[in-house]
Amino acid sequence: MSERYQKIIGICGVATVGKDTLFKIINSINPAITRLALADELKLDCDAFFRQKLGISAFTTDIKEKNLIRPLFVDYGDIKRKQSLGTYWTSLLQPKIEDCMSRGDIPCVTDIRYDEYQGVDELDWIKKNNGVLIHVSRREQGVLIEPANDREKINNPRLMAAADYKLVWSTSSDISYLLDCVNLQLGGFIETIR
């Protein structure tokens, strides 16, 4: 990895726009880019309790089980954010960021969602870590995917305004199309991570 690029990459956007898909594409360009997610910390925090009390892993891939526990994730995550004024989840991820960077890898946090607590929230955390923020939007049949809840309605415009790069693509399973979108819209960024 070049000395020139030792930053965190943050990816933001509303639910289901392709944040993890973007990660997979940039990871294919530079395998030293490592996926990290605040939601993974949430799942780790909840897993033992969910298994014991509900018989469901926080890491389940079963859609019915995911739908059952999703409200618990949202409420618990929100309580911890309120108690810490927005720093609980980022403080859990920070050592993993530092470890990743100490190995010479580039951490990519695929789920930056909040800019509510001035100066300390997820957006500020990315910026304080010398990070770059990419906002992703997706069109479904020509219409942009809407925020999934009120929190996204409030935070998505703030994150979009603060983003260093913006990517808008349409729903597609055509990897060539997706790569073209990334190269055309994020060309300058892609050059820095090659």
N, C-alpha and C. Protein backbone atom coordinates (compact mmCIF):
# COMPACT_ATOMS: atom_id res chain seq x y z
N MET A 1 0.85 -1.18 0.00
CA MET A 1 0.00 0.00 0.00
C MET A 1 0.88 1.23 0.00
N SER A 2 0.51 2.22 -0.75
CA SER A 2 1.31 3.43 -0.83
C SER A 2 1.18 4.23 0.46
N GLU A 3 2.21 5.00 0.77
CA GLU A 3 2.21 5.87 1.93
C GLU A 3 1.11 6.91 1.80
N ARG A 4 0.70 7.17 0.58
CA ARG A 4 -0.26 8.22 0.27
C ARG A 4 -1.66 7.95 0.83
N TYR A 5 -2.03 6.67 0.95
CA TYR A 5 -3.40 6.39 1.40
C TYR A 5 -3.41 5.55 2.66
N GLN A 6 -3.58 6.20 3.79
CA GLN A 6 -3.73 5.51 5.07
C GLN A 6 -4.89 6.19 5.80
N LYS A 7 -6.06 5.98 5.28
CA LYS A 7 -7.27 6.60 5.81
C LYS A 7 -8.33 5.53 6.04
N ILE A 8 -9.31 5.91 6.85
CA ILE A 8 -10.51 5.08 6.98
C ILE A 8 -11.45 5.44 5.84
N ILE A 9 -12.14 4.44 5.33
CA ILE A 9 -13.20 4.67 4.35
C ILE A 9 -14.51 4.44 5.09
N GLY A 10 -15.41 5.39 5.01
CA GLY A 10 -16.74 5.24 5.56
C GLY A 10 -17.75 5.23 4.42
N ILE A 11 -18.69 4.32 4.47
CA ILE A 11 -19.73 4.24 3.46
C ILE A 11 -21.07 4.50 4.14
N CYS A 12 -21.86 5.39 3.57
CA CYS A 12 -23.16 5.73 4.14
C CYS A 12 -24.23 5.70 3.05
N GLY A 13 -25.47 5.74 3.48
CA GLY A 13 -26.62 5.70 2.59
C GLY A 13 -27.74 4.95 3.29
N VAL A 14 -28.93 5.08 2.78
CA VAL A 14 -30.07 4.42 3.43
C VAL A 14 -29.99 2.91 3.24
N ALA A 15 -30.84 2.19 3.93
CA ALA A 15 -30.86 0.73 3.87
C ALA A 15 -31.06 0.24 2.43
N THR A 16 -30.37 -0.80 2.08
CA THR A 16 -30.48 -1.56 0.83
C THR A 16 -29.99 -0.83 -0.42
N VAL A 17 -29.14 0.18 -0.27
CA VAL A 17 -28.66 0.89 -1.46
C VAL A 17 -27.42 0.25 -2.08
N GLY A 18 -26.79 -0.68 -1.36
CA GLY A 18 -25.61 -1.36 -1.91
C GLY A 18 -24.30 -0.97 -1.25
N LYS A 19 -24.33 -0.65 0.02
CA LYS A 19 -23.10 -0.27 0.72
C LYS A 19 -22.11 -1.44 0.76
N ASP A 20 -22.60 -2.63 1.07
CA ASP A 20 -21.72 -3.80 1.07
C ASP A 20 -21.28 -4.18 -0.34
N THR A 21 -22.14 -3.96 -1.31
CA THR A 21 -21.75 -4.20 -2.70
C THR A 21 -20.60 -3.28 -3.09
N LEU A 22 -20.69 -2.01 -2.71
CA LEU A 22 -19.59 -1.08 -2.98
C LEU A 22 -18.32 -1.57 -2.30
N PHE A 23 -18.42 -2.00 -1.05
CA PHE A 23 -17.22 -2.52 -0.38
C PHE A 23 -16.61 -3.66 -1.20
N LYS A 24 -17.43 -4.62 -1.63
CA LYS A 24 -16.90 -5.76 -2.38
C LYS A 24 -16.17 -5.31 -3.65
N ILE A 25 -16.69 -4.28 -4.29
CA ILE A 25 -16.05 -3.78 -5.51
C ILE A 25 -14.71 -3.13 -5.19
N ILE A 26 -14.68 -2.26 -4.17
CA ILE A 26 -13.40 -1.59 -3.88
C ILE A 26 -12.40 -2.57 -3.27
N ASN A 27 -12.89 -3.60 -2.58
CA ASN A 27 -12.00 -4.63 -2.06
C ASN A 27 -11.40 -5.45 -3.20
N SER A 28 -12.16 -5.62 -4.29
CA SER A 28 -11.62 -6.35 -5.45
C SER A 28 -10.54 -5.51 -6.15
N ILE A 29 -10.61 -4.20 -6.02
CA ILE A 29 -9.59 -3.32 -6.59
C ILE A 29 -8.35 -3.30 -5.70
N ASN A 30 -8.57 -3.31 -4.39
CA ASN A 30 -7.45 -3.32 -3.44
C ASN A 30 -7.81 -4.26 -2.28
N PRO A 31 -7.27 -5.49 -2.31
CA PRO A 31 -7.60 -6.48 -1.27
C PRO A 31 -7.15 -6.08 0.14
N ALA A 32 -6.34 -5.04 0.27
CA ALA A 32 -5.91 -4.58 1.60
C ALA A 32 -7.02 -3.78 2.30
N ILE A 33 -8.11 -3.55 1.60
CA ILE A 33 -9.24 -2.85 2.21
C ILE A 33 -10.06 -3.89 2.98
N THR A 34 -10.23 -3.63 4.27
CA THR A 34 -10.85 -4.57 5.19
C THR A 34 -12.21 -4.06 5.65
N ARG A 35 -13.23 -4.91 5.57
CA ARG A 35 -14.58 -4.53 5.99
C ARG A 35 -14.71 -4.57 7.51
N LEU A 36 -15.25 -3.50 8.05
CA LEU A 36 -15.64 -3.42 9.45
C LEU A 36 -17.03 -2.79 9.47
N ALA A 37 -17.80 -3.09 10.52
CA ALA A 37 -19.14 -2.51 10.59
C ALA A 37 -19.54 -2.28 12.04
N LEU A 38 -20.14 -1.14 12.28
CA LEU A 38 -20.67 -0.83 13.60
C LEU A 38 -21.75 -1.84 13.99
N ALA A 39 -22.53 -2.28 13.03
CA ALA A 39 -23.59 -3.26 13.30
C ALA A 39 -23.02 -4.59 13.76
N ASP A 40 -21.81 -4.93 13.35
CA ASP A 40 -21.19 -6.16 13.83
C ASP A 40 -20.93 -6.08 15.33
N GLU A 41 -20.55 -4.88 15.80
CA GLU A 41 -20.35 -4.68 17.23
C GLU A 41 -21.67 -4.83 17.98
N LEU A 42 -22.74 -4.31 17.39
CA LEU A 42 -24.07 -4.45 17.97
C LEU A 42 -24.45 -5.93 18.09
N LYS A 43 -24.20 -6.68 17.04
CA LYS A 43 -24.53 -8.11 17.06
C LYS A 43 -23.71 -8.85 18.12
N LEU A 44 -22.42 -8.51 18.22
CA LEU A 44 -21.58 -9.13 19.24
C LEU A 44 -22.11 -8.84 20.64
N ASP A 45 -22.53 -7.58 20.85
CA ASP A 45 -23.07 -7.17 22.14
C ASP A 45 -24.34 -7.94 22.51
N CYS A 46 -25.17 -8.25 21.52
CA CYS A 46 -26.49 -8.85 21.77
C CYS A 46 -26.53 -10.37 21.67
N ASP A 47 -25.52 -10.97 21.08
CA ASP A 47 -25.61 -12.38 20.70
C ASP A 47 -25.89 -13.31 21.87
N ALA A 48 -25.14 -13.21 22.96
CA ALA A 48 -25.33 -14.13 24.09
C ALA A 48 -26.74 -14.00 24.67
N PHE A 49 -27.21 -12.77 24.82
CA PHE A 49 -28.55 -12.53 25.36
C PHE A 49 -29.62 -13.11 24.44
N PHE A 50 -29.51 -12.84 23.14
CA PHE A 50 -30.50 -13.36 22.19
C PHE A 50 -30.52 -14.89 22.20
N ARG A 51 -29.34 -15.50 22.22
CA ARG A 51 -29.27 -16.97 22.23
C ARG A 51 -29.93 -17.53 23.49
N GLN A 52 -29.60 -16.92 24.63
CA GLN A 52 -30.12 -17.43 25.90
C GLN A 52 -31.62 -17.20 26.04
N LYS A 53 -32.08 -16.00 25.74
CA LYS A 53 -33.47 -15.64 25.99
C LYS A 53 -34.41 -15.95 24.84
N LEU A 54 -33.89 -15.95 23.61
CA LEU A 54 -34.76 -16.11 22.44
C LEU A 54 -34.45 -17.37 21.63
N GLY A 55 -33.28 -17.94 21.86
CA GLY A 55 -32.87 -19.09 21.05
C GLY A 55 -32.54 -18.71 19.62
N ILE A 56 -32.17 -17.45 19.43
CA ILE A 56 -31.83 -16.94 18.09
C ILE A 56 -30.47 -16.26 18.17
N SER A 57 -29.59 -16.57 17.25
CA SER A 57 -28.30 -15.89 17.18
C SER A 57 -28.49 -14.49 16.59
N ALA A 58 -27.76 -13.54 17.12
CA ALA A 58 -27.77 -12.19 16.54
C ALA A 58 -27.22 -12.21 15.12
N PHE A 59 -26.51 -13.26 14.76
CA PHE A 59 -25.90 -13.37 13.43
C PHE A 59 -26.72 -14.25 12.49
N THR A 60 -27.97 -14.53 12.84
CA THR A 60 -28.81 -15.39 12.01
C THR A 60 -28.92 -14.84 10.59
N THR A 61 -29.04 -15.76 9.65
CA THR A 61 -29.29 -15.36 8.26
C THR A 61 -30.73 -15.68 7.86
N ASP A 62 -31.48 -16.28 8.77
CA ASP A 62 -32.88 -16.60 8.52
C ASP A 62 -33.71 -15.31 8.54
N ILE A 63 -34.40 -15.04 7.45
CA ILE A 63 -35.16 -13.79 7.31
C ILE A 63 -36.22 -13.63 8.40
N LYS A 64 -36.94 -14.70 8.70
CA LYS A 64 -37.99 -14.62 9.74
C LYS A 64 -37.38 -14.27 11.10
N GLU A 65 -36.27 -14.91 11.43
CA GLU A 65 -35.60 -14.61 12.70
C GLU A 65 -35.06 -13.18 12.71
N LYS A 66 -34.48 -12.75 11.59
CA LYS A 66 -33.97 -11.37 11.50
C LYS A 66 -35.09 -10.37 11.75
N ASN A 67 -36.24 -10.62 11.15
CA ASN A 67 -37.38 -9.71 11.33
C ASN A 67 -37.87 -9.69 12.77
N LEU A 68 -37.78 -10.82 13.46
CA LEU A 68 -38.18 -10.87 14.86
C LEU A 68 -37.27 -10.03 15.76
N ILE A 69 -35.97 -10.10 15.52
CA ILE A 69 -35.02 -9.44 16.43
C ILE A 69 -34.63 -8.02 16.00
N ARG A 70 -34.96 -7.63 14.78
CA ARG A 70 -34.58 -6.30 14.29
C ARG A 70 -35.02 -5.17 15.23
N PRO A 71 -36.28 -5.16 15.72
CA PRO A 71 -36.67 -4.07 16.63
C PRO A 71 -35.83 -4.02 17.91
N LEU A 72 -35.40 -5.19 18.39
CA LEU A 72 -34.54 -5.22 19.58
C LEU A 72 -33.18 -4.59 19.30
N PHE A 73 -32.62 -4.89 18.13
CA PHE A 73 -31.36 -4.27 17.72
C PHE A 73 -31.50 -2.75 17.70
N VAL A 74 -32.55 -2.28 17.04
CA VAL A 74 -32.75 -0.83 16.89
C VAL A 74 -32.88 -0.16 18.25
N ASP A 75 -33.71 -0.73 19.11
CA ASP A 75 -33.93 -0.12 20.43
C ASP A 75 -32.67 -0.16 21.29
N TYR A 76 -32.01 -1.31 21.33
CA TYR A 76 -30.79 -1.43 22.14
C TYR A 76 -29.69 -0.49 21.61
N GLY A 77 -29.52 -0.51 20.29
CA GLY A 77 -28.52 0.37 19.68
C GLY A 77 -28.79 1.83 20.00
N ASP A 78 -30.04 2.21 19.96
CA ASP A 78 -30.42 3.60 20.24
C ASP A 78 -30.18 3.96 21.71
N ILE A 79 -30.50 3.05 22.62
CA ILE A 79 -30.26 3.30 24.04
C ILE A 79 -28.78 3.52 24.30
N LYS A 80 -27.93 2.66 23.74
CA LYS A 80 -26.49 2.81 23.95
C LYS A 80 -25.97 4.10 23.31
N ARG A 81 -26.55 4.50 22.19
CA ARG A 81 -26.15 5.77 21.57
C ARG A 81 -26.53 6.94 22.49
N LYS A 82 -27.73 6.89 23.05
CA LYS A 82 -28.18 7.97 23.95
C LYS A 82 -27.33 8.02 25.21
N GLN A 83 -27.05 6.88 25.80
CA GLN A 83 -26.24 6.84 27.02
C GLN A 83 -24.84 7.40 26.80
N SER A 84 -24.30 7.20 25.62
CA SER A 84 -22.92 7.60 25.32
C SER A 84 -22.83 8.86 24.47
N LEU A 85 -23.97 9.47 24.20
CA LEU A 85 -24.03 10.64 23.30
C LEU A 85 -23.40 10.32 21.94
N GLY A 86 -23.69 9.12 21.44
CA GLY A 86 -23.29 8.75 20.09
C GLY A 86 -21.95 8.07 19.95
N THR A 87 -21.27 7.77 21.07
CA THR A 87 -19.90 7.24 20.95
C THR A 87 -19.74 5.76 21.29
N TYR A 88 -20.78 5.11 21.77
CA TYR A 88 -20.62 3.72 22.24
C TYR A 88 -20.10 2.80 21.14
N TRP A 89 -20.77 2.79 20.00
CA TRP A 89 -20.42 1.82 18.95
C TRP A 89 -19.10 2.17 18.29
N THR A 90 -18.83 3.45 18.10
CA THR A 90 -17.54 3.83 17.51
C THR A 90 -16.39 3.52 18.45
N SER A 91 -16.62 3.66 19.78
CA SER A 91 -15.53 3.34 20.73
C SER A 91 -15.23 1.84 20.72
N LEU A 92 -16.22 1.01 20.48
CA LEU A 92 -15.97 -0.43 20.37
C LEU A 92 -15.21 -0.78 19.10
N LEU A 93 -15.48 -0.05 18.03
CA LEU A 93 -14.82 -0.35 16.75
C LEU A 93 -13.43 0.27 16.65
N GLN A 94 -13.15 1.33 17.40
CA GLN A 94 -11.88 2.04 17.28
C GLN A 94 -10.64 1.14 17.42
N PRO A 95 -10.57 0.23 18.39
CA PRO A 95 -9.38 -0.63 18.46
C PRO A 95 -9.20 -1.51 17.22
N LYS A 96 -10.30 -1.93 16.61
CA LYS A 96 -10.20 -2.74 15.39
C LYS A 96 -9.70 -1.89 14.22
N ILE A 97 -10.12 -0.62 14.20
CA ILE A 97 -9.62 0.32 13.18
C ILE A 97 -8.10 0.46 13.33
N GLU A 98 -7.67 0.70 14.55
CA GLU A 98 -6.23 0.90 14.81
C GLU A 98 -5.43 -0.35 14.49
N ASP A 99 -5.96 -1.52 14.84
CA ASP A 99 -5.28 -2.78 14.53
C ASP A 99 -5.16 -2.97 13.02
N CYS A 100 -6.23 -2.69 12.33
CA CYS A 100 -6.25 -2.81 10.87
C CYS A 100 -5.18 -1.91 10.24
N MET A 101 -5.15 -0.66 10.70
CA MET A 101 -4.19 0.29 10.15
C MET A 101 -2.75 -0.08 10.51
N SER A 102 -2.55 -0.65 11.71
CA SER A 102 -1.20 -1.04 12.11
C SER A 102 -0.65 -2.15 11.23
N ARG A 103 -1.54 -2.94 10.64
CA ARG A 103 -1.12 -3.99 9.70
C ARG A 103 -0.91 -3.45 8.29
N GLY A 104 -1.21 -2.17 8.09
CA GLY A 104 -1.07 -1.59 6.76
C GLY A 104 -2.31 -1.75 5.90
N ASP A 105 -3.39 -2.25 6.49
CA ASP A 105 -4.64 -2.40 5.75
C ASP A 105 -5.44 -1.11 5.84
N ILE A 106 -6.43 -1.00 4.99
CA ILE A 106 -7.31 0.17 4.96
C ILE A 106 -8.67 -0.25 5.51
N PRO A 107 -9.07 0.28 6.66
CA PRO A 107 -10.38 -0.08 7.20
C PRO A 107 -11.51 0.60 6.44
N CYS A 108 -12.55 -0.16 6.18
CA CYS A 108 -13.73 0.37 5.49
C CYS A 108 -14.95 0.05 6.34
N VAL A 109 -15.55 1.09 6.92
CA VAL A 109 -16.73 0.93 7.76
C VAL A 109 -17.95 1.10 6.87
N THR A 110 -18.70 0.02 6.71
CA THR A 110 -19.75 -0.03 5.69
C THR A 110 -21.11 0.46 6.15
N ASP A 111 -21.19 1.01 7.35
CA ASP A 111 -22.52 1.39 7.84
C ASP A 111 -22.49 2.66 8.70
N ILE A 112 -21.96 3.73 8.14
CA ILE A 112 -22.01 5.02 8.82
C ILE A 112 -23.45 5.54 8.67
N ARG A 113 -24.11 5.80 9.80
CA ARG A 113 -25.54 6.13 9.74
C ARG A 113 -25.93 7.43 10.43
N TYR A 114 -25.09 7.95 11.34
CA TYR A 114 -25.57 9.03 12.21
C TYR A 114 -24.69 10.27 12.21
N ASP A 115 -25.38 11.39 12.29
CA ASP A 115 -24.78 12.70 12.54
C ASP A 115 -25.76 13.48 13.41
N GLU A 116 -25.94 13.00 14.64
CA GLU A 116 -26.90 13.61 15.56
C GLU A 116 -26.24 14.32 16.73
N TYR A 117 -25.15 13.76 17.25
CA TYR A 117 -24.46 14.35 18.39
C TYR A 117 -23.27 15.15 17.88
N GLN A 118 -23.39 16.46 17.96
CA GLN A 118 -22.43 17.39 17.38
C GLN A 118 -21.00 17.11 17.85
N GLY A 119 -20.11 16.89 16.90
CA GLY A 119 -18.69 16.75 17.18
C GLY A 119 -18.21 15.37 17.59
N VAL A 120 -19.13 14.43 17.86
CA VAL A 120 -18.69 13.12 18.36
C VAL A 120 -19.35 11.93 17.66
N ASP A 121 -20.30 12.17 16.80
CA ASP A 121 -21.06 11.06 16.23
C ASP A 121 -20.27 10.36 15.12
N GLU A 122 -20.91 9.40 14.45
CA GLU A 122 -20.23 8.57 13.46
C GLU A 122 -19.56 9.39 12.36
N LEU A 123 -20.24 10.41 11.86
CA LEU A 123 -19.64 11.26 10.83
C LEU A 123 -18.38 11.93 11.36
N ASP A 124 -18.45 12.51 12.54
CA ASP A 124 -17.29 13.18 13.13
C ASP A 124 -16.16 12.19 13.39
N TRP A 125 -16.52 10.99 13.83
CA TRP A 125 -15.54 9.94 14.11
C TRP A 125 -14.76 9.58 12.84
N ILE A 126 -15.47 9.44 11.73
CA ILE A 126 -14.78 9.15 10.46
C ILE A 126 -13.81 10.28 10.12
N LYS A 127 -14.27 11.51 10.23
CA LYS A 127 -13.43 12.66 9.88
C LYS A 127 -12.23 12.78 10.83
N LYS A 128 -12.43 12.54 12.13
CA LYS A 128 -11.33 12.62 13.10
C LYS A 128 -10.29 11.53 12.86
N ASN A 129 -10.69 10.45 12.24
CA ASN A 129 -9.76 9.37 11.91
C ASN A 129 -9.17 9.53 10.52
N ASN A 130 -9.13 10.78 10.04
CA ASN A 130 -8.56 11.06 8.72
C ASN A 130 -9.28 10.25 7.64
N GLY A 131 -10.60 10.18 7.78
CA GLY A 131 -11.38 9.34 6.89
C GLY A 131 -11.98 10.06 5.70
N VAL A 132 -12.43 9.24 4.79
CA VAL A 132 -13.13 9.72 3.61
C VAL A 132 -14.51 9.06 3.63
N LEU A 133 -15.54 9.82 3.28
CA LEU A 133 -16.91 9.32 3.34
C LEU A 133 -17.50 9.24 1.94
N ILE A 134 -18.07 8.07 1.63
CA ILE A 134 -18.73 7.84 0.35
C ILE A 134 -20.22 7.63 0.61
N HIS A 135 -21.05 8.42 -0.03
CA HIS A 135 -22.50 8.26 0.09
C HIS A 135 -23.01 7.49 -1.12
N VAL A 136 -23.84 6.47 -0.86
CA VAL A 136 -24.39 5.63 -1.92
C VAL A 136 -25.90 5.81 -1.98
N SER A 137 -26.42 5.98 -3.19
CA SER A 137 -27.86 6.01 -3.46
C SER A 137 -28.14 4.99 -4.56
N ARG A 138 -29.33 4.41 -4.53
CA ARG A 138 -29.70 3.44 -5.56
C ARG A 138 -31.09 3.76 -6.09
N ARG A 139 -31.19 3.65 -7.42
CA ARG A 139 -32.48 3.82 -8.09
C ARG A 139 -33.09 2.44 -8.37
N GLU A 140 -34.36 2.33 -8.06
CA GLU A 140 -35.13 1.13 -8.38
C GLU A 140 -36.20 1.57 -9.36
N GLN A 141 -36.11 1.09 -10.60
CA GLN A 141 -37.04 1.48 -11.66
C GLN A 141 -37.10 3.01 -11.79
N GLY A 142 -35.94 3.62 -11.74
CA GLY A 142 -35.82 5.06 -11.95
C GLY A 142 -36.08 5.94 -10.73
N VAL A 143 -36.48 5.35 -9.61
CA VAL A 143 -36.82 6.13 -8.42
C VAL A 143 -35.81 5.80 -7.31
N LEU A 144 -35.28 6.84 -6.66
CA LEU A 144 -34.33 6.63 -5.58
C LEU A 144 -34.98 5.90 -4.41
N ILE A 145 -34.24 4.95 -3.83
CA ILE A 145 -34.70 4.23 -2.64
C ILE A 145 -34.86 5.25 -1.52
N GLU A 146 -36.01 5.21 -0.88
CA GLU A 146 -36.33 6.16 0.20
C GLU A 146 -35.76 5.67 1.54
N PRO A 147 -35.57 6.59 2.49
CA PRO A 147 -35.15 6.17 3.82
C PRO A 147 -36.15 5.18 4.42
N ALA A 148 -35.62 4.21 5.17
CA ALA A 148 -36.45 3.14 5.73
C ALA A 148 -37.17 3.57 7.01
N ASN A 149 -36.69 4.62 7.66
CA ASN A 149 -37.30 5.04 8.93
C ASN A 149 -36.99 6.53 9.16
N ASP A 150 -37.55 7.06 10.25
CA ASP A 150 -37.37 8.49 10.55
C ASP A 150 -35.91 8.85 10.81
N ARG A 151 -35.14 7.95 11.44
CA ARG A 151 -33.73 8.23 11.70
C ARG A 151 -32.98 8.43 10.39
N GLU A 152 -33.26 7.57 9.41
CA GLU A 152 -32.61 7.72 8.10
C GLU A 152 -33.05 9.01 7.42
N LYS A 153 -34.33 9.38 7.57
CA LYS A 153 -34.82 10.62 6.96
C LYS A 153 -34.07 11.83 7.50
N ILE A 154 -33.74 11.80 8.78
CA ILE A 154 -33.02 12.91 9.40
C ILE A 154 -31.54 12.88 9.05
N ASN A 155 -30.92 11.73 9.16
CA ASN A 155 -29.47 11.64 9.03
C ASN A 155 -28.95 11.54 7.61
N ASN A 156 -29.70 10.90 6.71
CA ASN A 156 -29.19 10.70 5.35
C ASN A 156 -28.85 12.02 4.64
N PRO A 157 -29.68 13.06 4.70
CA PRO A 157 -29.29 14.31 4.03
C PRO A 157 -28.02 14.94 4.61
N ARG A 158 -27.83 14.82 5.91
CA ARG A 158 -26.63 15.35 6.56
C ARG A 158 -25.39 14.60 6.09
N LEU A 159 -25.50 13.28 6.05
CA LEU A 159 -24.37 12.47 5.62
C LEU A 159 -24.06 12.71 4.15
N MET A 160 -25.11 12.82 3.34
CA MET A 160 -24.90 13.08 1.92
C MET A 160 -24.19 14.41 1.72
N ALA A 161 -24.60 15.43 2.45
CA ALA A 161 -23.98 16.76 2.32
C ALA A 161 -22.51 16.74 2.75
N ALA A 162 -22.17 15.90 3.71
CA ALA A 162 -20.80 15.84 4.22
C ALA A 162 -19.90 14.88 3.45
N ALA A 163 -20.49 14.07 2.57
CA ALA A 163 -19.72 13.04 1.86
C ALA A 163 -18.66 13.65 0.95
N ASP A 164 -17.51 12.99 0.92
CA ASP A 164 -16.43 13.38 0.02
C ASP A 164 -16.70 12.92 -1.40
N TYR A 165 -17.42 11.82 -1.53
CA TYR A 165 -17.76 11.24 -2.83
C TYR A 165 -19.21 10.76 -2.78
N LYS A 166 -19.86 10.80 -3.94
CA LYS A 166 -21.24 10.33 -4.05
C LYS A 166 -21.35 9.35 -5.21
N LEU A 167 -22.07 8.27 -4.96
CA LEU A 167 -22.30 7.24 -5.97
C LEU A 167 -23.80 7.02 -6.08
N VAL A 168 -24.30 7.11 -7.30
CA VAL A 168 -25.71 6.80 -7.56
C VAL A 168 -25.72 5.74 -8.65
N TRP A 169 -26.35 4.61 -8.34
CA TRP A 169 -26.46 3.54 -9.34
C TRP A 169 -27.86 2.97 -9.32
N SER A 170 -28.17 2.22 -10.35
CA SER A 170 -29.48 1.57 -10.45
C SER A 170 -29.34 0.11 -10.04
N THR A 171 -30.44 -0.46 -9.61
CA THR A 171 -30.46 -1.87 -9.24
C THR A 171 -29.98 -2.70 -10.42
N SER A 172 -28.99 -3.55 -10.17
CA SER A 172 -28.46 -4.38 -11.24
C SER A 172 -27.63 -5.51 -10.65
N SER A 173 -27.65 -6.64 -11.32
CA SER A 173 -26.74 -7.73 -10.96
C SER A 173 -25.59 -7.81 -11.96
N ASP A 174 -25.54 -6.85 -12.89
CA ASP A 174 -24.49 -6.79 -13.90
C ASP A 174 -23.25 -6.13 -13.30
N ILE A 175 -22.25 -6.94 -12.98
CA ILE A 175 -21.05 -6.42 -12.33
C ILE A 175 -20.31 -5.40 -13.21
N SER A 176 -20.38 -5.57 -14.51
CA SER A 176 -19.72 -4.60 -15.42
C SER A 176 -20.36 -3.23 -15.28
N TYR A 177 -21.69 -3.18 -15.21
CA TYR A 177 -22.39 -1.92 -15.02
C TYR A 177 -21.98 -1.28 -13.69
N LEU A 178 -21.99 -2.09 -12.61
CA LEU A 178 -21.65 -1.57 -11.28
C LEU A 178 -20.22 -1.05 -11.25
N LEU A 179 -19.30 -1.79 -11.86
CA LEU A 179 -17.90 -1.34 -11.94
C LEU A 179 -17.79 -0.04 -12.73
N ASP A 180 -18.52 0.07 -13.83
CA ASP A 180 -18.51 1.31 -14.61
C ASP A 180 -19.00 2.49 -13.78
N CYS A 181 -20.07 2.28 -13.00
CA CYS A 181 -20.59 3.35 -12.13
C CYS A 181 -19.52 3.79 -11.14
N VAL A 182 -18.86 2.82 -10.52
CA VAL A 182 -17.83 3.13 -9.52
C VAL A 182 -16.68 3.87 -10.18
N ASN A 183 -16.20 3.37 -11.31
CA ASN A 183 -15.06 4.01 -11.97
C ASN A 183 -15.39 5.41 -12.48
N LEU A 184 -16.60 5.60 -13.00
CA LEU A 184 -16.98 6.92 -13.51
C LEU A 184 -17.23 7.93 -12.39
N GLN A 185 -17.93 7.51 -11.35
CA GLN A 185 -18.34 8.45 -10.31
C GLN A 185 -17.34 8.59 -9.17
N LEU A 186 -16.53 7.56 -8.96
CA LEU A 186 -15.55 7.60 -7.87
C LEU A 186 -14.14 7.50 -8.39
N GLY A 187 -13.92 7.90 -9.62
CA GLY A 187 -12.63 7.73 -10.29
C GLY A 187 -11.45 8.24 -9.49
N GLY A 188 -11.54 9.47 -8.96
CA GLY A 188 -10.44 10.04 -8.19
C GLY A 188 -10.14 9.22 -6.94
N PHE A 189 -11.18 8.79 -6.27
CA PHE A 189 -11.01 7.96 -5.08
C PHE A 189 -10.39 6.62 -5.45
N ILE A 190 -10.87 6.00 -6.51
CA ILE A 190 -10.37 4.69 -6.94
C ILE A 190 -8.87 4.78 -7.24
N GLU A 191 -8.45 5.86 -7.87
CA GLU A 191 -7.02 6.02 -8.16
C GLU A 191 -6.18 6.06 -6.90
N THR A 192 -6.71 6.66 -5.83
CA THR A 192 -5.93 6.74 -4.58
C THR A 192 -5.79 5.40 -3.88
N ILE A 193 -6.70 4.47 -4.11
CA ILE A 193 -6.63 3.19 -3.41
C ILE A 193 -6.01 2.07 -4.24
N ARG A 194 -5.76 2.31 -5.52
CA ARG A 194 -5.17 1.27 -6.37
C ARG A 194 -3.82 0.82 -5.89
